[in-house]
N, C-alpha and C. Protein backbone atom coordinates (compact mmCIF):
# COMPACT_ATOMS: atom_id res chain seq x y z
N UNK A 1 11.85 -16.20 8.63
CA UNK A 1 10.96 -15.80 7.54
C UNK A 1 9.77 -16.76 7.50
N UNK A 2 8.60 -16.19 7.29
CA UNK A 2 7.40 -17.01 7.24
C UNK A 2 7.26 -17.65 5.87
N UNK A 3 6.84 -18.90 5.88
CA UNK A 3 6.64 -19.62 4.63
C UNK A 3 5.21 -19.41 4.16
N UNK A 4 5.04 -19.20 2.85
CA UNK A 4 3.72 -18.96 2.29
C UNK A 4 2.88 -20.21 2.37
N UNK A 5 1.67 -20.08 2.84
CA UNK A 5 0.72 -21.18 2.94
C UNK A 5 -0.48 -20.85 2.05
N UNK A 6 -0.64 -21.56 0.92
CA UNK A 6 -1.75 -21.24 0.01
C UNK A 6 -3.12 -21.55 0.59
N UNK A 7 -3.19 -22.30 1.70
CA UNK A 7 -4.47 -22.68 2.28
C UNK A 7 -4.94 -21.69 3.34
N UNK A 8 -4.14 -20.70 3.65
CA UNK A 8 -4.53 -19.69 4.61
C UNK A 8 -5.32 -18.61 3.90
N UNK A 9 -6.58 -18.45 4.27
CA UNK A 9 -7.45 -17.51 3.59
C UNK A 9 -7.34 -16.10 4.15
N UNK A 10 -6.81 -15.95 5.36
CA UNK A 10 -6.77 -14.63 5.96
C UNK A 10 -5.37 -14.02 5.96
N UNK A 11 -4.49 -14.53 5.11
CA UNK A 11 -3.14 -13.97 5.05
C UNK A 11 -3.15 -12.58 4.44
N UNK A 12 -3.90 -12.38 3.38
CA UNK A 12 -3.93 -11.09 2.69
C UNK A 12 -5.20 -10.34 3.07
N UNK A 13 -5.01 -9.16 3.63
CA UNK A 13 -6.14 -8.34 4.09
C UNK A 13 -6.30 -7.15 3.15
N UNK A 14 -7.47 -6.98 2.55
CA UNK A 14 -7.67 -5.84 1.66
C UNK A 14 -7.82 -4.55 2.46
N UNK A 15 -7.27 -3.49 1.91
CA UNK A 15 -7.46 -2.16 2.50
C UNK A 15 -8.76 -1.62 1.94
N UNK A 16 -9.75 -1.52 2.79
CA UNK A 16 -11.07 -1.09 2.35
C UNK A 16 -11.18 0.43 2.40
N UNK A 17 -11.88 0.98 1.45
CA UNK A 17 -12.10 2.42 1.37
C UNK A 17 -13.48 2.68 0.80
N UNK A 18 -14.02 3.82 1.11
CA UNK A 18 -15.33 4.15 0.55
C UNK A 18 -15.20 4.92 -0.76
N UNK A 19 -13.97 5.14 -1.23
CA UNK A 19 -13.76 5.89 -2.47
C UNK A 19 -13.81 5.01 -3.71
N UNK A 20 -13.58 3.71 -3.57
CA UNK A 20 -13.58 2.80 -4.71
C UNK A 20 -14.47 1.60 -4.43
N UNK A 21 -14.84 0.92 -5.51
CA UNK A 21 -15.68 -0.27 -5.36
C UNK A 21 -14.87 -1.51 -5.00
N UNK A 22 -13.58 -1.51 -5.34
CA UNK A 22 -12.72 -2.65 -5.04
C UNK A 22 -11.54 -2.16 -4.19
N UNK A 23 -10.95 -3.06 -3.40
CA UNK A 23 -9.83 -2.65 -2.54
C UNK A 23 -8.62 -2.21 -3.36
N UNK A 24 -8.08 -1.01 -3.11
CA UNK A 24 -6.95 -0.52 -3.89
C UNK A 24 -5.61 -1.11 -3.46
N UNK A 25 -5.58 -1.75 -2.30
CA UNK A 25 -4.32 -2.26 -1.78
C UNK A 25 -4.58 -3.51 -0.96
N UNK A 26 -3.71 -4.50 -1.08
CA UNK A 26 -3.80 -5.73 -0.31
C UNK A 26 -2.59 -5.77 0.62
N UNK A 27 -2.82 -6.02 1.91
CA UNK A 27 -1.75 -6.08 2.91
C UNK A 27 -1.47 -7.55 3.23
N UNK A 28 -0.19 -7.92 3.16
CA UNK A 28 0.23 -9.27 3.56
C UNK A 28 0.39 -9.26 5.07
N UNK A 29 -0.50 -9.94 5.79
CA UNK A 29 -0.48 -9.91 7.25
C UNK A 29 0.72 -10.64 7.85
N UNK A 30 1.41 -11.43 7.04
CA UNK A 30 2.58 -12.15 7.54
C UNK A 30 3.90 -11.47 7.14
N UNK A 31 3.79 -10.33 6.49
CA UNK A 31 5.00 -9.61 6.07
C UNK A 31 5.67 -8.95 7.26
N UNK A 32 6.94 -8.68 7.10
CA UNK A 32 7.71 -7.98 8.12
C UNK A 32 7.12 -6.57 8.26
N UNK A 33 6.78 -6.12 9.47
CA UNK A 33 6.22 -4.78 9.64
C UNK A 33 7.12 -3.68 9.09
N UNK A 34 8.42 -3.86 9.16
CA UNK A 34 9.34 -2.86 8.61
C UNK A 34 9.16 -2.74 7.09
N UNK A 35 8.93 -3.86 6.41
CA UNK A 35 8.70 -3.83 4.97
C UNK A 35 7.40 -3.11 4.63
N UNK A 36 6.37 -3.33 5.44
CA UNK A 36 5.10 -2.64 5.22
C UNK A 36 5.27 -1.15 5.43
N UNK A 37 6.02 -0.77 6.46
CA UNK A 37 6.29 0.65 6.71
C UNK A 37 7.06 1.29 5.56
N UNK A 38 8.08 0.61 5.07
CA UNK A 38 8.87 1.15 3.96
C UNK A 38 8.02 1.31 2.70
N UNK A 39 7.13 0.35 2.45
CA UNK A 39 6.24 0.45 1.28
C UNK A 39 5.29 1.64 1.44
N UNK A 40 4.78 1.84 2.65
CA UNK A 40 3.89 2.98 2.89
C UNK A 40 4.64 4.30 2.70
N UNK A 41 5.85 4.38 3.22
CA UNK A 41 6.65 5.60 3.06
C UNK A 41 6.95 5.88 1.59
N UNK A 42 7.23 4.83 0.83
CA UNK A 42 7.49 5.00 -0.60
C UNK A 42 6.26 5.55 -1.31
N UNK A 43 5.07 5.06 -0.95
CA UNK A 43 3.84 5.56 -1.58
C UNK A 43 3.58 7.01 -1.19
N UNK A 44 3.86 7.36 0.06
CA UNK A 44 3.67 8.74 0.50
C UNK A 44 4.63 9.68 -0.21
N UNK A 45 5.89 9.26 -0.35
CA UNK A 45 6.87 10.08 -1.06
C UNK A 45 6.48 10.27 -2.52
N UNK A 46 6.02 9.19 -3.15
CA UNK A 46 5.62 9.28 -4.55
C UNK A 46 4.43 10.22 -4.72
N UNK A 47 3.46 10.13 -3.84
CA UNK A 47 2.30 11.03 -3.96
C UNK A 47 2.69 12.47 -3.67
N UNK A 48 3.62 12.68 -2.75
CA UNK A 48 4.10 14.03 -2.45
C UNK A 48 4.82 14.63 -3.66
N UNK A 49 5.64 13.82 -4.31
CA UNK A 49 6.34 14.30 -5.51
C UNK A 49 5.36 14.60 -6.65
N UNK A 50 4.33 13.78 -6.78
CA UNK A 50 3.31 14.03 -7.80
C UNK A 50 2.59 15.35 -7.53
N UNK A 51 2.22 15.60 -6.28
CA UNK A 51 1.57 16.86 -5.94
C UNK A 51 2.48 18.05 -6.20
N UNK A 52 3.76 17.91 -5.88
CA UNK A 52 4.72 18.98 -6.12
C UNK A 52 4.83 19.26 -7.63
N UNK A 53 4.89 18.20 -8.43
CA UNK A 53 4.98 18.36 -9.88
C UNK A 53 3.74 19.05 -10.43
N UNK A 54 2.57 18.63 -9.98
CA UNK A 54 1.33 19.24 -10.45
C UNK A 54 1.24 20.70 -10.02
N UNK A 55 1.72 21.01 -8.85
CA UNK A 55 1.72 22.39 -8.37
C UNK A 55 2.64 23.25 -9.23
N UNK A 56 3.82 22.75 -9.56
CA UNK A 56 4.78 23.51 -10.36
C UNK A 56 4.27 23.73 -11.79
N UNK A 57 3.50 22.80 -12.31
CA UNK A 57 2.97 22.95 -13.67
C UNK A 57 1.86 23.98 -13.72
N UNK A 58 1.31 24.31 -12.57
CA UNK A 58 0.23 25.29 -12.53
C UNK A 58 0.73 26.72 -12.68
N UNK A 59 2.03 26.95 -12.60
CA UNK A 59 2.59 28.31 -12.71
C UNK A 59 3.08 28.59 -14.09
């Protein structure tokens, strides 16, 4: 496991987008890639469920 170093300025990389003025997500570059993948999958599942709910409310 990597130890956190407060003096490392490039550990956290912002996810840049042209849709917002500030980065909506910060990626820990020293995190386990499997953890990053699981977090991404969780966000995709949550957004999919939200879309399904909104679609069902439209009927």
